[in-house]
Structure formats: C-alpha cells, structure tokens
Amino acid sequence: MKKIYQFIMLAILLGGSGLSALDISGSSAFSGVSRGELEFNIRFYDRRIYYVQTEPVYVQITITNNSPYPYRFKLADDRAFSIDFDVRTMTNRQLPEADSLIRKRTLYQQIYFREITLESGESFSVVEDLRDYVSFSQAGSFRVRAKIYPELIRSTVVPAMDSNYLNLSLRPALIFGEDGIPVEMDVATGAVLVKQRLAPDEVVAYMLTARQQSQWERFFLYLDLEAMLARDALQKRKWLAENEEGRRRMVAQYRTDLKNSTIDGDISLIPTTFDILRTVYNNDEGTVTVLLKFRLQNYTELRRYTYYLERRDNYWIIVNYSVEGMGTEANN
C-alpha cells in the first residue's frame, strides 16, 4: 500500500508540474533515440549567386531519424523559436542577428508549437531565409551553421543540435545600368565590365576567348540569358507564367546551370582553338559561323557553331546558337 501511495503522489506531482514521466530523463524527444542516430543537415535550397542586397538566401533544413524508434520534437509556428543560425566570417567573427529577429525574440508573447513525430527512416524538412536571422552588411565569404532546439529555443532542458557547415559567398551589391539591368563586374579587377560597340564576329570571339580563360563574367557579358533560356519550349512556358521576381530567379538558376554544365553544355564547353568562318549581318540581325576544336585524349573533335545575334542600343548580343558535328581529326 505504501508503494502504491508513493506512486500516486509521484504522478500527482508530475501532473502538477506539467511534466511527463519521460521528462525525468531530460525530454520525451530522445526516448530510445541517441543523437548519433539523428541526421541534421542543411543545404542551399536554390543555390545561385548571392549579393549583399536583400534577395533571399533560402536554406533547406532536414532532420532524418536513423534510429529504430520514433523521434519527437517541438516545432514552433514561428520557426524563429525553434531554429537559429550561426554565421561567421573566415576570421571567425560572428555576424549579428537581424534586427527583426531581436525584436521578435525579446517581445513577451506566448509561443505556439506542434509536436513532430519522425518514424524510423523518415525525414522532415523546412526552408528558411537566412536573412530573417542574420544581418549582412558587407560582401565576403562566410560559414553557415544551423541550430535546432527540440524543446524550443527558450528551453534549457534539451540542448540544441548543430548542423553541418555551408560556405556562403556574398558578392558586392549589384550596380545597375541606365536601362535598369545589372552590369557585370570583372572579378579580376573589381571594375565594371562595360559593353563595347564590337562587330558581331568580335563579340563571338570575345565570348569564346573568355570561356577559354574561364572568365565567366566576360563570357556572360554579351549573352542574352533570357533569350537563351526561352529556347526550350517548356522553359519558355514557365518563364511566361512567372512574375518579375520568379523570372529573375530563373535567369540566375540558368546562369548557374551553364557554369556547372548541367544545361546547354554545348555553349559552355571550352574550345582548344576556334576559327571564324563566316559573318553575315544587317542593321538588326546577324549570324557568325565558327569552327571550334575540342582536344580530347586521343583525338580532336570538330564542331561548327552558328551564333545568332541581335543589335540592341548599338550593341550586338548573342541570343541563340546551333551546333553541327564536323567529325574528328587525329592529335599530333
């Protein structure tokens, strides 16, 4: 009877304090699950070129339960009370929190949350804008790490879990031309790249030489990425359905894909040599035919490219291209 009485009293005490029996060991979240069996990873949701100005820097946060037991944790409706970011410079200086985050967390308020349960092998992901958490005031390279608090950020019962690191590079703020379009910057000199009034064949030679030297800013200077992107019918339909912000993101992604050779690989291949065969143009349009050679291990591949250009504000811009295989030749 005494033991039963003690158990009842313990249950009353636990009920009055708002705890469960599992909370005696710290938290119900880790019942049967060790931290080594949980994966907490982050990655850029739509990796692209990031600038100091206020375009979002979306980070996808994923928790995976690799244990044989269910894992439970709390997620606040306002995720700023469950998630945090630690962003540091290469000299290990921590960047300050965003002003909006400081105001939010210092305000006396009730925090609403839901409990997430991950069964064995399941994952849970959310996407957050890094700028909602960290204040960026200058360009540079940074290391990004996320933290998640299984019992909310104000709890001291369960410590935070740390994610992997991401390397973030922020470029200086864009400089806009008179037409409202961002101008390109020369990475080597830091100077603004300005279009010159070159002839169509000179524009193509400039672009190909830049590719040979892996100077991406110069390579993109005379390319109309919007027109190049719309060459594909499916992409064109997506483009027409997007708003202005969505179109900017599509162009940024297309630019990144070109650099990674995951799309339109023909134009981003590095030629060993090139010879301009023919140039035809009038006041508004032109074509430049070029023989490009790509030296491989045992032979050299020959391709004939035709670049299509349009004159805009007295500048010739590449808007399209086509490729024709011309066979191979033996290496000397």
C-alpha atoms as a PDB file:
ATOM      1  CA  MET A   1       0.000   0.000   0.000  1.00  0.00           C
ATOM      2  CA  LYS A   2       2.847   2.355   0.862  1.00  0.00           C
ATOM      3  CA  LYS A   3       4.438   1.795  -2.554  1.00  0.00           C
ATOM      4  CA  ILE A   4       1.128   2.429  -4.308  1.00  0.00           C
ATOM      5  CA  TYR A   5       0.658   5.632  -2.294  1.00  0.00           C
ATOM      6  CA  GLN A   6       4.149   6.820  -3.251  1.00  0.00           C
ATOM      7  CA  PHE A   7       3.478   6.129  -6.925  1.00  0.00           C
ATOM      8  CA  ILE A   8       0.191   8.069  -6.802  1.00  0.00           C
ATOM      9  CA  MET A   9       1.903  11.027  -5.103  1.00  0.00           C
ATOM     10  CA  LEU A  10       4.644  10.999  -7.732  1.00  0.00           C
ATOM     11  CA  ALA A  11       2.043  11.000 -10.502  1.00  0.00           C
ATOM     12  CA  ILE A  12       0.250  13.963  -8.876  1.00  0.00           C
ATOM     13  CA  LEU A  13       3.479  15.897  -8.548  1.00  0.00           C
ATOM     14  CA  LEU A  14       4.404  15.214 -12.152  1.00  0.00           C
ATOM     15  CA  GLY A  15       0.968  16.183 -13.366  1.00  0.00           C
ATOM     16  CA  GLY A  16       1.045  19.427 -11.407  1.00  0.00           C
ATOM     17  CA  SER A  17       4.391  20.419 -12.858  1.00  0.00           C
ATOM     18  CA  GLY A  18       3.274  19.778 -16.445  1.00  0.00           C
ATOM     19  CA  LEU A  19       5.911  17.069 -16.991  1.00  0.00           C
ATOM     20  CA  SER A  20       5.609  13.523 -18.169  1.00  0.00           C
ATOM     21  CA  ALA A  21       7.428  10.538 -16.731  1.00  0.00           C
ATOM     22  CA  LEU A  22       9.752  10.597 -19.747  1.00  0.00           C
ATOM     23  CA  ASP A  23      10.757  14.177 -18.935  1.00  0.00           C
ATOM     24  CA  ILE A  24      12.639  12.975 -15.858  1.00  0.00           C
ATOM     25  CA  SER A  25      15.490  11.876 -18.133  1.00  0.00           C
ATOM     26  CA  GLY A  26      15.541  15.229 -19.948  1.00  0.00           C
ATOM     27  CA  SER A  27      12.929  15.104 -22.703  1.00  0.00           C
ATOM     28  CA  SER A  28      10.481  12.776 -24.354  1.00  0.00           C
ATOM     29  CA  ALA A  29      12.087  13.703 -27.682  1.00  0.00           C
ATOM     30  CA  PHE A  30      15.100  11.468 -27.173  1.00  0.00           C
ATOM     31  CA  SER A  31      13.360   8.463 -25.625  1.00  0.00           C
ATOM     32  CA  GLY A  32      15.209   5.490 -27.135  1.00  0.00           C
ATOM     33  CA  VAL A  33      16.929   7.720 -29.732  1.00  0.00           C
ATOM     34  CA  SER A  34      20.551   8.808 -29.425  1.00  0.00           C
ATOM     35  CA  ARG A  35      21.801  11.964 -31.093  1.00  0.00           C
ATOM     36  CA  GLY A  36      24.193   9.900 -33.147  1.00  0.00           C
ATOM     37  CA  GLU A  37      21.187   8.306 -34.837  1.00  0.00           C
ATOM     38  CA  LEU A  38      19.807  11.656 -35.972  1.00  0.00           C
ATOM     39  CA  GLU A  39      20.986  13.499 -39.085  1.00  0.00           C
ATOM     40  CA  PHE A  40      20.632  17.267 -39.073  1.00  0.00           C
ATOM     41  CA  ASN A  41      21.725  18.689 -42.408  1.00  0.00           C
ATOM     42  CA  ILE A  42      21.368  21.971 -44.246  1.00  0.00           C
ATOM     43  CA  ARG A  43      21.867  22.923 -47.886  1.00  0.00           C
ATOM     44  CA  PHE A  44      21.068  25.887 -50.110  1.00  0.00           C
ATOM     45  CA  TYR A  45      17.537  25.416 -51.401  1.00  0.00           C
ATOM     46  CA  ASP A  46      18.187  27.148 -54.744  1.00  0.00           C
ATOM     47  CA  ARG A  47      21.902  27.750 -54.843  1.00  0.00           C
ATOM     48  CA  ARG A  48      22.801  30.698 -57.045  1.00  0.00           C
ATOM     49  CA  ILE A  49      24.888  33.858 -56.995  1.00  0.00           C
ATOM     50  CA  TYR A  50      24.100  35.817 -53.828  1.00  0.00           C
ATOM     51  CA  TYR A  51      24.577  39.551 -53.347  1.00  0.00           C
ATOM     52  CA  VAL A  52      24.749  41.732 -50.260  1.00  0.00           C
ATOM     53  CA  GLN A  53      21.412  43.278 -51.102  1.00  0.00           C
ATOM     54  CA  THR A  54      18.177  41.782 -49.908  1.00  0.00           C
ATOM     55  CA  GLU A  55      17.386  38.864 -52.226  1.00  0.00           C
ATOM     56  CA  PRO A  56      16.523  35.818 -50.074  1.00  0.00           C
ATOM     57  CA  VAL A  57      19.144  33.227 -49.193  1.00  0.00           C
ATOM     58  CA  TYR A  58      16.993  30.134 -48.795  1.00  0.00           C
ATOM     59  CA  VAL A  59      18.388  27.267 -46.709  1.00  0.00           C
ATOM     60  CA  GLN A  60      16.722  23.861 -46.526  1.00  0.00           C
ATOM     61  CA  ILE A  61      16.886  22.254 -43.092  1.00  0.00           C
ATOM     62  CA  THR A  62      16.392  18.487 -42.853  1.00  0.00           C
ATOM     63  CA  ILE A  63      16.183  16.159 -39.849  1.00  0.00           C
ATOM     64  CA  THR A  64      16.369  12.405 -40.502  1.00  0.00           C
ATOM     65  CA  ASN A  65      15.667   9.701 -37.938  1.00  0.00           C
ATOM     66  CA  ASN A  66      18.057   6.779 -38.483  1.00  0.00           C
ATOM     67  CA  SER A  67      17.141   5.023 -35.256  1.00  0.00           C
ATOM     68  CA  PRO A  68      14.688   2.120 -34.922  1.00  0.00           C
ATOM     69  CA  TYR A  69      12.497   4.234 -32.592  1.00  0.00           C
ATOM     70  CA  PRO A  70      10.173   7.197 -33.166  1.00  0.00           C
ATOM     71  CA  TYR A  71      11.708  10.623 -32.547  1.00  0.00           C
ATOM     72  CA  ARG A  72       9.582  13.537 -31.356  1.00  0.00           C
ATOM     73  CA  PHE A  73      10.400  17.211 -31.186  1.00  0.00           C
ATOM     74  CA  LYS A  74       8.561  20.511 -30.951  1.00  0.00           C
ATOM     75  CA  LEU A  75       8.381  22.948 -33.854  1.00  0.00           C
ATOM     76  CA  ALA A  76       7.168  26.486 -33.167  1.00  0.00           C
ATOM     77  CA  ASP A  77       4.645  28.008 -35.554  1.00  0.00           C
ATOM     78  CA  ASP A  78       7.114  30.877 -35.794  1.00  0.00           C
ATOM     79  CA  ARG A  79      10.247  28.886 -36.561  1.00  0.00           C
ATOM     80  CA  ALA A  80      12.498  31.570 -35.102  1.00  0.00           C
ATOM     81  CA  PHE A  81      11.736  29.950 -31.725  1.00  0.00           C
ATOM     82  CA  SER A  82      12.902  26.516 -32.913  1.00  0.00           C
ATOM     83  CA  ILE A  83      15.712  27.348 -35.341  1.00  0.00           C
ATOM     84  CA  ASP A  84      18.774  29.558 -35.244  1.00  0.00           C
ATOM     85  CA  PHE A  85      21.783  30.235 -37.474  1.00  0.00           C
ATOM     86  CA  ASP A  86      25.414  30.875 -36.629  1.00  0.00           C
ATOM     87  CA  VAL A  87      27.158  32.727 -39.473  1.00  0.00           C
ATOM     88  CA  ARG A  88      30.837  33.628 -39.196  1.00  0.00           C
ATOM     89  CA  THR A  89      33.477  35.256 -41.353  1.00  0.00           C
ATOM     90  CA  MET A  90      36.638  33.419 -42.344  1.00  0.00           C
ATOM     91  CA  THR A  91      38.305  35.093 -39.332  1.00  0.00           C
ATOM     92  CA  ASN A  92      35.652  33.524 -37.056  1.00  0.00           C
ATOM     93  CA  ARG A  93      33.801  36.787 -36.369  1.00  0.00           C
ATOM     94  CA  GLN A  94      30.131  36.060 -35.736  1.00  0.00           C
ATOM     95  CA  LEU A  95      27.654  38.150 -37.697  1.00  0.00           C
ATOM     96  CA  PRO A  96      24.959  39.947 -35.688  1.00  0.00           C
ATOM     97  CA  GLU A  97      21.357  38.846 -35.572  1.00  0.00           C
ATOM     98  CA  ALA A  98      18.830  40.529 -37.821  1.00  0.00           C
ATOM     99  CA  ASP A  99      17.022  43.433 -36.138  1.00  0.00           C
ATOM    100  CA  SER A 100      13.635  41.844 -36.816  1.00  0.00           C
ATOM    101  CA  LEU A 101      14.767  38.644 -35.066  1.00  0.00           C
ATOM    102  CA  ILE A 102      15.962  40.542 -31.995  1.00  0.00           C
ATOM    103  CA  ARG A 103      12.640  42.364 -31.694  1.00  0.00           C
ATOM    104  CA  LYS A 104      10.712  39.129 -32.130  1.00  0.00           C
ATOM    105  CA  ARG A 105      12.632  37.183 -29.508  1.00  0.00           C
ATOM    106  CA  THR A 106      12.646  39.946 -26.892  1.00  0.00           C
ATOM    107  CA  LEU A 107       8.906  40.506 -27.109  1.00  0.00           C
ATOM    108  CA  TYR A 108       6.920  38.898 -24.280  1.00  0.00           C
ATOM    109  CA  GLN A 109       4.498  36.544 -26.019  1.00  0.00           C
ATOM    110  CA  GLN A 110       3.010  33.085 -25.988  1.00  0.00           C
ATOM    111  CA  ILE A 111       4.767  30.607 -28.300  1.00  0.00           C
ATOM    112  CA  TYR A 112       2.549  28.205 -30.192  1.00  0.00           C
ATOM    113  CA  PHE A 113       4.028  24.948 -31.423  1.00  0.00           C
ATOM    114  CA  ARG A 114       3.202  21.485 -32.708  1.00  0.00           C
ATOM    115  CA  GLU A 115       4.879  18.187 -32.000  1.00  0.00           C
ATOM    116  CA  ILE A 116       6.529  16.438 -34.937  1.00  0.00           C
ATOM    117  CA  THR A 117       6.990  12.669 -34.858  1.00  0.00           C
ATOM    118  CA  LEU A 118       9.507  11.039 -37.164  1.00  0.00           C
ATOM    119  CA  GLU A 119       9.232   7.290 -37.514  1.00  0.00           C
ATOM    120  CA  SER A 120      12.336   5.247 -38.249  1.00  0.00           C
ATOM    121  CA  GLY A 121      13.831   6.285 -41.601  1.00  0.00           C
ATOM    122  CA  GLU A 122      11.619   9.352 -42.001  1.00  0.00           C
ATOM    123  CA  SER A 123      12.820  12.905 -42.668  1.00  0.00           C
ATOM    124  CA  PHE A 124      11.340  16.334 -42.052  1.00  0.00           C
ATOM    125  CA  SER A 125      12.384  19.487 -43.931  1.00  0.00           C
ATOM    126  CA  VAL A 126      11.680  23.192 -43.780  1.00  0.00           C
ATOM    127  CA  VAL A 127      13.086  26.105 -45.789  1.00  0.00           C
ATOM    128  CA  GLU A 128      14.162  29.344 -44.103  1.00  0.00           C
ATOM    129  CA  ASP A 129      15.511  32.639 -45.406  1.00  0.00           C
ATOM    130  CA  LEU A 130      18.915  33.223 -43.815  1.00  0.00           C
ATOM    131  CA  ARG A 131      18.322  36.984 -43.909  1.00  0.00           C
ATOM    132  CA  ASP A 132      15.493  36.586 -41.391  1.00  0.00           C
ATOM    133  CA  TYR A 133      18.108  35.503 -38.860  1.00  0.00           C
ATOM    134  CA  VAL A 134      21.377  37.246 -39.720  1.00  0.00           C
ATOM    135  CA  SER A 135      22.320  40.802 -40.687  1.00  0.00           C
ATOM    136  CA  PHE A 136      24.655  41.018 -43.696  1.00  0.00           C
ATOM    137  CA  SER A 137      26.341  44.384 -44.132  1.00  0.00           C
ATOM    138  CA  GLN A 138      29.221  43.601 -46.473  1.00  0.00           C
ATOM    139  CA  ALA A 139      30.372  41.176 -49.130  1.00  0.00           C
ATOM    140  CA  GLY A 140      32.678  38.291 -48.342  1.00  0.00           C
ATOM    141  CA  SER A 141      32.898  34.589 -47.599  1.00  0.00           C
ATOM    142  CA  PHE A 142      31.082  33.100 -44.627  1.00  0.00           C
ATOM    143  CA  ARG A 143      30.496  29.777 -42.883  1.00  0.00           C
ATOM    144  CA  VAL A 144      26.885  28.968 -42.074  1.00  0.00           C
ATOM    145  CA  ARG A 145      25.692  26.544 -39.414  1.00  0.00           C
ATOM    146  CA  ALA A 146      22.147  25.950 -38.212  1.00  0.00           C
ATOM    147  CA  LYS A 147      20.867  25.006 -34.783  1.00  0.00           C
ATOM    148  CA  ILE A 148      17.571  23.380 -33.919  1.00  0.00           C
ATOM    149  CA  TYR A 149      16.070  23.313 -30.440  1.00  0.00           C
ATOM    150  CA  PRO A 150      13.901  20.191 -29.900  1.00  0.00           C
ATOM    151  CA  GLU A 151      12.168  21.806 -26.906  1.00  0.00           C
ATOM    152  CA  LEU A 152      12.049  25.372 -28.326  1.00  0.00           C
ATOM    153  CA  ILE A 153      14.750  27.988 -28.076  1.00  0.00           C
ATOM    154  CA  ARG A 154      13.850  29.192 -24.575  1.00  0.00           C
ATOM    155  CA  SER A 155      14.110  25.738 -23.039  1.00  0.00           C
ATOM    156  CA  THR A 156      17.222  24.723 -21.121  1.00  0.00           C
ATOM    157  CA  VAL A 157      16.115  21.092 -20.751  1.00  0.00           C
ATOM    158  CA  VAL A 158      17.440  19.823 -24.087  1.00  0.00           C
ATOM    159  CA  PRO A 159      20.447  21.455 -25.774  1.00  0.00           C
ATOM    160  CA  ALA A 160      20.396  22.451 -29.421  1.00  0.00           C
ATOM    161  CA  MET A 161      21.529  20.189 -32.260  1.00  0.00           C
ATOM    162  CA  ASP A 162      24.152  21.578 -34.653  1.00  0.00           C
ATOM    163  CA  SER A 163      24.091  21.027 -38.412  1.00  0.00           C
ATOM    164  CA  ASN A 164      26.844  20.720 -40.974  1.00  0.00           C
ATOM    165  CA  TYR A 165      28.570  23.831 -42.350  1.00  0.00           C
ATOM    166  CA  LEU A 166      27.801  25.620 -45.602  1.00  0.00           C
ATOM    167  CA  ASN A 167      30.125  28.022 -47.379  1.00  0.00           C
ATOM    168  CA  LEU A 168      28.332  31.204 -48.402  1.00  0.00           C
ATOM    169  CA  SER A 169      29.816  33.777 -50.753  1.00  0.00           C
ATOM    170  CA  LEU A 170      28.188  37.207 -50.956  1.00  0.00           C
ATOM    171  CA  ARG A 171      29.077  39.495 -53.821  1.00  0.00           C
ATOM    172  CA  PRO A 172      29.002  43.278 -53.593  1.00  0.00           C
ATOM    173  CA  ALA A 173      25.710  44.992 -54.307  1.00  0.00           C
ATOM    174  CA  LEU A 174      24.685  44.990 -57.941  1.00  0.00           C
ATOM    175  CA  ILE A 175      25.380  48.093 -59.975  1.00  0.00           C
ATOM    176  CA  PHE A 176      22.515  48.900 -62.313  1.00  0.00           C
ATOM    177  CA  GLY A 177      22.884  50.486 -65.709  1.00  0.00           C
ATOM    178  CA  GLU A 178      20.692  53.197 -67.154  1.00  0.00           C
ATOM    179  CA  ASP A 179      18.341  50.551 -68.508  1.00  0.00           C
ATOM    180  CA  GLY A 180      17.823  49.106 -65.017  1.00  0.00           C
ATOM    181  CA  ILE A 181      19.706  45.911 -65.860  1.00  0.00           C
ATOM    182  CA  PRO A 182      22.591  44.902 -63.534  1.00  0.00           C
ATOM    183  CA  VAL A 183      26.019  45.366 -65.084  1.00  0.00           C
ATOM    184  CA  GLU A 184      28.699  42.701 -64.906  1.00  0.00           C
ATOM    185  CA  MET A 185      31.749  43.050 -62.663  1.00  0.00           C
ATOM    186  CA  ASP A 186      35.240  41.898 -63.603  1.00  0.00           C
ATOM    187  CA  VAL A 187      36.264  39.564 -60.776  1.00  0.00           C
ATOM    188  CA  ALA A 188      39.972  40.014 -61.529  1.00  0.00           C
ATOM    189  CA  THR A 189      39.990  43.832 -61.354  1.00  0.00           C
ATOM    190  CA  GLY A 190      36.785  44.663 -59.499  1.00  0.00           C
ATOM    191  CA  ALA A 191      35.908  47.119 -62.268  1.00  0.00           C
ATOM    192  CA  VAL A 192      32.576  47.327 -64.030  1.00  0.00           C
ATOM    193  CA  LEU A 193      32.539  45.418 -67.291  1.00  0.00           C
ATOM    194  CA  VAL A 194      31.191  47.733 -69.961  1.00  0.00           C
ATOM    195  CA  LYS A 195      29.960  46.539 -73.326  1.00  0.00           C
ATOM    196  CA  GLN A 196      31.889  47.811 -76.302  1.00  0.00           C
ATOM    197  CA  ARG A 197      30.471  48.515 -79.740  1.00  0.00           C
ATOM    198  CA  LEU A 198      32.043  45.448 -81.299  1.00  0.00           C
ATOM    199  CA  ALA A 199      31.166  43.849 -84.616  1.00  0.00           C
ATOM    200  CA  PRO A 200      29.265  40.531 -84.445  1.00  0.00           C
ATOM    201  CA  ASP A 201      32.372  38.417 -85.124  1.00  0.00           C
ATOM    202  CA  GLU A 202      34.303  40.365 -82.456  1.00  0.00           C
ATOM    203  CA  VAL A 203      31.523  39.730 -79.935  1.00  0.00           C
ATOM    204  CA  VAL A 204      31.683  35.981 -80.578  1.00  0.00           C
ATOM    205  CA  ALA A 205      35.492  35.984 -80.380  1.00  0.00           C
ATOM    206  CA  TYR A 206      35.293  37.912 -77.093  1.00  0.00           C
ATOM    207  CA  MET A 207      32.865  35.352 -75.648  1.00  0.00           C
ATOM    208  CA  LEU A 208      34.903  32.334 -76.770  1.00  0.00           C
ATOM    209  CA  THR A 209      38.179  33.791 -75.516  1.00  0.00           C
ATOM    210  CA  ALA A 210      36.562  34.497 -72.141  1.00  0.00           C
ATOM    211  CA  ARG A 211      35.438  30.871 -71.968  1.00  0.00           C
ATOM    212  CA  GLN A 212      38.933  29.631 -72.788  1.00  0.00           C
ATOM    213  CA  GLN A 213      40.233  31.698 -69.874  1.00  0.00           C
ATOM    214  CA  SER A 214      37.346  30.692 -67.545  1.00  0.00           C
ATOM    215  CA  GLN A 215      36.341  34.343 -67.148  1.00  0.00           C
ATOM    216  CA  TRP A 216      32.651  33.821 -66.559  1.00  0.00           C
ATOM    217  CA  GLU A 217      31.706  37.497 -66.149  1.00  0.00           C
ATOM    218  CA  ARG A 218      33.210  38.290 -69.550  1.00  0.00           C
ATOM    219  CA  PHE A 219      31.634  35.165 -71.016  1.00  0.00           C
ATOM    220  CA  PHE A 220      28.143  36.315 -69.961  1.00  0.00           C
ATOM    221  CA  LEU A 221      28.631  39.962 -70.958  1.00  0.00           C
ATOM    222  CA  TYR A 222      27.253  39.609 -74.488  1.00  0.00           C
ATOM    223  CA  LEU A 223      24.837  36.734 -73.835  1.00  0.00           C
ATOM    224  CA  ASP A 224      21.104  37.373 -73.519  1.00  0.00           C
ATOM    225  CA  LEU A 225      20.358  34.741 -70.883  1.00  0.00           C
ATOM    226  CA  GLU A 226      16.619  35.371 -71.009  1.00  0.00           C
ATOM    227  CA  ALA A 227      16.523  34.638 -74.744  1.00  0.00           C
ATOM    228  CA  MET A 228      18.823  31.634 -74.340  1.00  0.00           C
ATOM    229  CA  LEU A 229      16.637  30.233 -71.546  1.00  0.00           C
ATOM    230  CA  ALA A 230      13.490  30.617 -73.661  1.00  0.00           C
ATOM    231  CA  ARG A 231      14.974  28.431 -76.441  1.00  0.00           C
ATOM    232  CA  ASP A 232      13.388  25.461 -74.665  1.00  0.00           C
ATOM    233  CA  ALA A 233       9.594  25.381 -75.097  1.00  0.00           C
ATOM    234  CA  LEU A 234       8.911  24.101 -71.579  1.00  0.00           C
ATOM    235  CA  GLN A 235      11.180  26.703 -70.001  1.00  0.00           C
ATOM    236  CA  LYS A 236       9.547  29.399 -72.114  1.00  0.00           C
ATOM    237  CA  ARG A 237       6.103  28.460 -70.801  1.00  0.00           C
ATOM    238  CA  LYS A 238       7.414  28.571 -67.240  1.00  0.00           C
ATOM    239  CA  TRP A 239       9.020  31.938 -67.964  1.00  0.00           C
ATOM    240  CA  LEU A 240       5.780  33.435 -69.262  1.00  0.00           C
ATOM    241  CA  ALA A 241       3.888  32.172 -66.201  1.00  0.00           C
ATOM    242  CA  GLU A 242       6.336  33.716 -63.687  1.00  0.00           C
ATOM    243  CA  ASN A 243       6.251  37.170 -62.134  1.00  0.00           C
ATOM    244  CA  GLU A 244       9.259  39.502 -62.241  1.00  0.00           C
ATOM    245  CA  GLU A 245      10.896  38.005 -59.144  1.00  0.00           C
ATOM    246  CA  GLY A 246      10.358  34.490 -60.435  1.00  0.00           C
ATOM    247  CA  ARG A 247      11.925  35.378 -63.774  1.00  0.00           C
ATOM    248  CA  ARG A 248      14.990  36.813 -62.071  1.00  0.00           C
ATOM    249  CA  ARG A 249      15.375  33.577 -60.161  1.00  0.00           C
ATOM    250  CA  MET A 250      15.014  31.527 -63.342  1.00  0.00           C
ATOM    251  CA  VAL A 251      17.748  33.562 -65.054  1.00  0.00           C
ATOM    252  CA  ALA A 252      20.029  33.244 -62.017  1.00  0.00           C
ATOM    253  CA  GLN A 253      19.476  29.479 -61.937  1.00  0.00           C
ATOM    254  CA  TYR A 254      20.069  29.197 -65.686  1.00  0.00           C
ATOM    255  CA  ARG A 255      23.320  31.123 -65.299  1.00  0.00           C
ATOM    256  CA  THR A 256      24.424  28.757 -62.525  1.00  0.00           C
ATOM    257  CA  ASP A 257      23.447  25.709 -64.586  1.00  0.00           C
ATOM    258  CA  LEU A 258      25.512  26.980 -67.513  1.00  0.00           C
ATOM    259  CA  LYS A 259      28.535  27.366 -65.255  1.00  0.00           C
ATOM    260  CA  ASN A 260      28.021  23.845 -63.929  1.00  0.00           C
ATOM    261  CA  SER A 261      27.459  22.490 -67.469  1.00  0.00           C
ATOM    262  CA  THR A 262      24.169  20.913 -66.372  1.00  0.00           C
ATOM    263  CA  ILE A 263      22.229  22.615 -69.175  1.00  0.00           C
ATOM    264  CA  ASP A 264      23.106  23.769 -72.717  1.00  0.00           C
ATOM    265  CA  GLY A 265      26.525  22.184 -72.271  1.00  0.00           C
ATOM    266  CA  ASP A 266      27.483  22.860 -75.897  1.00  0.00           C
ATOM    267  CA  ILE A 267      27.879  26.586 -75.366  1.00  0.00           C
ATOM    268  CA  SER A 268      29.854  26.281 -72.137  1.00  0.00           C
ATOM    269  CA  LEU A 269      32.428  23.772 -73.448  1.00  0.00           C
ATOM    270  CA  ILE A 270      35.974  25.117 -73.512  1.00  0.00           C
ATOM    271  CA  PRO A 271      37.372  25.107 -77.063  1.00  0.00           C
ATOM    272  CA  THR A 272      41.038  24.424 -77.650  1.00  0.00           C
ATOM    273  CA  THR A 273      41.008  26.685 -80.716  1.00  0.00           C
ATOM    274  CA  PHE A 274      38.405  28.440 -82.848  1.00  0.00           C
ATOM    275  CA  ASP A 275      38.280  29.968 -86.324  1.00  0.00           C
ATOM    276  CA  ILE A 276      35.593  32.338 -87.527  1.00  0.00           C
ATOM    277  CA  LEU A 277      34.433  31.075 -90.903  1.00  0.00           C
ATOM    278  CA  ARG A 278      31.687  33.463 -91.897  1.00  0.00           C
ATOM    279  CA  THR A 279      29.917  36.587 -90.661  1.00  0.00           C
ATOM    280  CA  VAL A 280      26.641  37.895 -92.118  1.00  0.00           C
ATOM    281  CA  TYR A 281      24.617  40.764 -90.677  1.00  0.00           C
ATOM    282  CA  ASN A 282      22.389  43.720 -91.451  1.00  0.00           C
ATOM    283  CA  ASN A 283      21.323  46.616 -89.274  1.00  0.00           C
ATOM    284  CA  ASP A 284      19.408  44.488 -86.762  1.00  0.00           C
ATOM    285  CA  GLU A 285      20.414  40.821 -87.001  1.00  0.00           C
ATOM    286  CA  GLY A 286      23.482  38.772 -87.735  1.00  0.00           C
ATOM    287  CA  THR A 287      24.989  35.291 -87.732  1.00  0.00           C
ATOM    288  CA  VAL A 288      28.561  34.218 -87.080  1.00  0.00           C
ATOM    289  CA  THR A 289      29.735  30.743 -88.076  1.00  0.00           C
ATOM    290  CA  VAL A 290      32.734  29.396 -86.182  1.00  0.00           C
ATOM    291  CA  LEU A 291      34.749  26.173 -86.332  1.00  0.00           C
ATOM    292  CA  LEU A 292      35.580  25.070 -82.789  1.00  0.00           C
ATOM    293  CA  LYS A 293      38.076  22.351 -81.938  1.00  0.00           C
ATOM    294  CA  PHE A 294      37.966  20.389 -78.691  1.00  0.00           C
ATOM    295  CA  ARG A 295      41.109  18.398 -77.971  1.00  0.00           C
ATOM    296  CA  LEU A 296      40.428  15.116 -76.209  1.00  0.00           C
ATOM    297  CA  GLN A 297      42.847  12.425 -75.080  1.00  0.00           C
ATOM    298  CA  ASN A 298      43.271  10.555 -78.373  1.00  0.00           C
ATOM    299  CA  TYR A 299      41.667  12.849 -80.935  1.00  0.00           C
ATOM    300  CA  THR A 300      40.288  16.330 -81.562  1.00  0.00           C
ATOM    301  CA  GLU A 301      36.572  16.835 -82.102  1.00  0.00           C
ATOM    302  CA  LEU A 302      35.453  19.439 -84.643  1.00  0.00           C
ATOM    303  CA  ARG A 303      32.150  21.281 -84.367  1.00  0.00           C
ATOM    304  CA  ARG A 304      30.624  24.093 -86.383  1.00  0.00           C
ATOM    305  CA  TYR A 305      28.718  26.603 -84.301  1.00  0.00           C
ATOM    306  CA  THR A 306      26.378  29.240 -85.662  1.00  0.00           C
ATOM    307  CA  TYR A 307      25.706  32.120 -83.275  1.00  0.00           C
ATOM    308  CA  TYR A 308      22.667  34.325 -83.796  1.00  0.00           C
ATOM    309  CA  LEU A 309      22.948  37.954 -82.721  1.00  0.00           C
ATOM    310  CA  GLU A 310      20.675  40.976 -82.439  1.00  0.00           C
ATOM    311  CA  ARG A 311      21.638  44.633 -82.302  1.00  0.00           C
ATOM    312  CA  ARG A 312      20.281  46.400 -79.217  1.00  0.00           C
ATOM    313  CA  ASP A 313      21.136  50.014 -78.463  1.00  0.00           C
ATOM    314  CA  ASN A 314      24.074  49.728 -80.859  1.00  0.00           C
ATOM    315  CA  TYR A 315      25.441  46.625 -79.091  1.00  0.00           C
ATOM    316  CA  TRP A 316      25.458  43.170 -80.664  1.00  0.00           C
ATOM    317  CA  ILE A 317      24.093  40.489 -78.291  1.00  0.00           C
ATOM    318  CA  ILE A 318      24.103  36.703 -78.720  1.00  0.00           C
ATOM    319  CA  VAL A 319      20.537  35.381 -78.434  1.00  0.00           C
ATOM    320  CA  ASN A 320      20.798  31.824 -79.794  1.00  0.00           C
ATOM    321  CA  TYR A 321      23.134  29.241 -81.276  1.00  0.00           C
ATOM    322  CA  SER A 322      23.155  25.922 -83.118  1.00  0.00           C
ATOM    323  CA  VAL A 323      25.775  23.165 -83.350  1.00  0.00           C
ATOM    324  CA  GLU A 324      26.766  20.760 -86.115  1.00  0.00           C
ATOM    325  CA  GLY A 325      29.273  17.930 -85.720  1.00  0.00           C
ATOM    326  CA  MET A 326      32.151  18.016 -88.242  1.00  0.00           C
ATOM    327  CA  GLY A 327      33.924  14.789 -87.354  1.00  0.00           C
ATOM    328  CA  THR A 328      37.299  14.315 -85.725  1.00  0.00           C
ATOM    329  CA  GLU A 329      40.971  14.570 -86.510  1.00  0.00           C
ATOM    330  CA  ALA A 330      43.973  12.775 -85.059  1.00  0.00           C
ATOM    331  CA  ASN A 331      46.084  14.561 -82.482  1.00  0.00           C
ATOM    332  CA  ASN A 332      49.646  15.341 -83.444  1.00  0.00           C
END
